[in-house]
Amino acid sequence: MGSFEEDRQAARKALDVLFDKIVGAVSVLVEKDNRIAELEREADVSDKLIRERNRVLQALGCDVHGECVPGALEKVAELNTLARDRLELLTLSCQKVAELESKLAESERTVEDLIQEQ
């Protein structure tokens, strides 16, 4: 049998080993908790994106399938074409208005010239 001091030192070493294991386990738990929190944040972002996607699909529902991505993309393409066509018509209309305003200004000058000649 060992002396009291030897037993105390052996117990101390055993406690140190256990303490190191506990510190290691706590570190692993902290890392796992951090990863869980990160995954929860990512899941929240994914859920928000899915909700927004579903909202868009509901707004642009496919006439054949209801809420489907290909149908929504087709509608977006149609809306883009429609918007481009309307912009082109608006641009042409603005150009015509400018031409008419110019002609009106010229005719007003011509009328003033005729009035002054008389």
Protein backbone atom coordinates (compact mmCIF):
# COMPACT_ATOMS: atom_id res chain seq x y z
CA MET A 1 0.00 0.00 0.00
CA GLY A 2 1.05 3.50 -0.77
CA SER A 3 1.39 6.29 1.61
CA PHE A 4 -1.28 8.85 2.12
CA GLU A 5 0.67 11.38 0.05
CA GLU A 6 0.98 8.94 -2.85
CA ASP A 7 -2.75 8.21 -2.72
CA ARG A 8 -3.48 11.93 -2.61
CA GLN A 9 -1.27 12.58 -5.64
CA ALA A 10 -2.87 9.68 -7.55
CA ALA A 11 -6.32 11.04 -6.71
CA ARG A 12 -5.20 14.51 -7.76
CA LYS A 13 -3.96 13.15 -11.11
CA ALA A 14 -7.23 11.29 -11.60
CA LEU A 15 -9.18 14.49 -10.84
CA ASP A 16 -6.99 16.46 -13.26
CA VAL A 17 -7.69 13.88 -15.99
CA LEU A 18 -11.42 14.06 -15.26
CA PHE A 19 -11.31 17.86 -15.22
CA ASP A 20 -9.54 17.90 -18.61
CA LYS A 21 -12.17 15.52 -19.99
CA ILE A 22 -14.96 17.73 -18.63
CA VAL A 23 -13.36 20.87 -20.13
CA GLY A 24 -13.02 19.04 -23.46
CA ALA A 25 -16.63 17.89 -23.33
CA VAL A 26 -17.84 21.41 -22.49
CA SER A 27 -15.83 22.79 -25.43
CA VAL A 28 -17.43 20.24 -27.74
CA LEU A 29 -20.88 21.16 -26.38
CA VAL A 30 -20.22 24.87 -26.93
CA GLU A 31 -19.14 24.16 -30.52
CA LYS A 32 -22.24 22.01 -31.06
CA ASP A 33 -24.49 24.73 -29.58
CA ASN A 34 -22.90 27.33 -31.85
CA ARG A 35 -23.41 25.08 -34.89
CA ILE A 36 -27.03 24.46 -33.87
CA ALA A 37 -27.61 28.21 -33.58
CA GLU A 38 -26.02 28.73 -37.01
CA LEU A 39 -28.21 26.02 -38.55
CA GLU A 40 -31.30 27.53 -36.92
CA ARG A 41 -30.47 30.92 -38.47
CA GLU A 42 -29.95 29.26 -41.85
CA ALA A 43 -33.26 27.42 -41.48
CA ASP A 44 -35.02 30.71 -40.65
CA VAL A 45 -33.58 32.34 -43.78
CA SER A 46 -34.58 29.30 -45.84
CA ASP A 47 -38.10 29.42 -44.43
CA LYS A 48 -38.40 33.12 -45.30
CA LEU A 49 -37.15 32.48 -48.82
CA ILE A 50 -39.61 29.62 -49.28
CA ARG A 51 -42.49 31.80 -48.00
CA GLU A 52 -41.54 34.57 -50.45
CA ARG A 53 -41.18 32.05 -53.29
CA ASN A 54 -44.62 30.64 -52.52
CA ARG A 55 -46.09 34.13 -52.38
CA VAL A 56 -44.64 34.91 -55.82
CA LEU A 57 -45.88 31.60 -57.21
CA GLN A 58 -49.36 32.32 -55.85
CA ALA A 59 -49.35 35.76 -57.46
CA LEU A 60 -48.11 34.40 -60.79
CA GLY A 61 -50.03 31.13 -60.72
CA CYS A 62 -49.79 28.93 -63.78
CA ASP A 63 -53.08 28.55 -65.67
CA VAL A 64 -52.40 24.83 -66.09
CA HIS A 65 -50.63 23.73 -62.91
CA GLY A 66 -51.48 26.40 -60.35
CA GLU A 67 -48.34 27.32 -58.45
CA CYS A 68 -45.41 26.19 -60.57
CA VAL A 69 -42.02 27.74 -61.31
CA PRO A 70 -42.07 27.27 -65.11
CA GLY A 71 -45.50 28.92 -65.31
CA ALA A 72 -44.35 31.81 -63.11
CA LEU A 73 -41.23 32.30 -65.22
CA GLU A 74 -43.37 32.33 -68.35
CA LYS A 75 -45.64 34.97 -66.83
CA VAL A 76 -42.64 37.08 -65.81
CA ALA A 77 -41.33 36.87 -69.37
CA GLU A 78 -44.76 37.90 -70.70
CA LEU A 79 -44.91 40.81 -68.26
CA ASN A 80 -41.41 41.93 -69.27
CA THR A 81 -42.42 41.85 -72.94
CA LEU A 82 -45.61 43.75 -72.16
CA ALA A 83 -43.68 46.34 -70.16
CA ARG A 84 -41.15 46.78 -72.99
CA ASP A 85 -43.98 47.15 -75.53
CA ARG A 86 -45.75 49.73 -73.38
CA LEU A 87 -42.52 51.63 -72.84
CA GLU A 88 -41.95 51.69 -76.58
CA LEU A 89 -45.50 52.97 -77.18
CA LEU A 90 -45.05 55.60 -74.50
CA THR A 91 -41.75 56.70 -76.06
CA LEU A 92 -43.39 56.93 -79.50
CA SER A 93 -46.30 58.86 -78.00
CA CYS A 94 -43.93 61.30 -76.35
CA GLN A 95 -42.09 61.78 -79.63
CA LYS A 96 -45.40 62.43 -81.44
CA VAL A 97 -46.46 64.92 -78.78
CA ALA A 98 -43.13 66.72 -79.17
CA GLU A 99 -43.58 66.81 -82.97
CA LEU A 100 -47.13 68.14 -82.62
CA GLU A 101 -46.02 70.77 -80.12
CA SER A 102 -43.32 71.85 -82.56
CA LYS A 103 -45.83 72.05 -85.44
CA LEU A 104 -48.25 73.96 -83.24
CA ALA A 105 -45.53 76.46 -82.34
CA GLU A 106 -44.69 76.88 -86.05
CA SER A 107 -48.34 77.36 -86.98
CA GLU A 108 -48.74 79.94 -84.19
CA ARG A 109 -45.77 81.87 -85.64
CA THR A 110 -47.28 81.60 -89.12
CA VAL A 111 -50.60 82.93 -87.85
CA GLU A 112 -48.81 85.80 -86.11
CA ASP A 113 -46.92 86.54 -89.34
CA LEU A 114 -50.20 86.60 -91.32
CA ILE A 115 -51.80 88.89 -88.74
CA GLN A 116 -48.86 91.27 -88.85
CA GLU A 117 -48.91 91.35 -92.65
CA GLN A 118 -52.48 92.56 -92.71
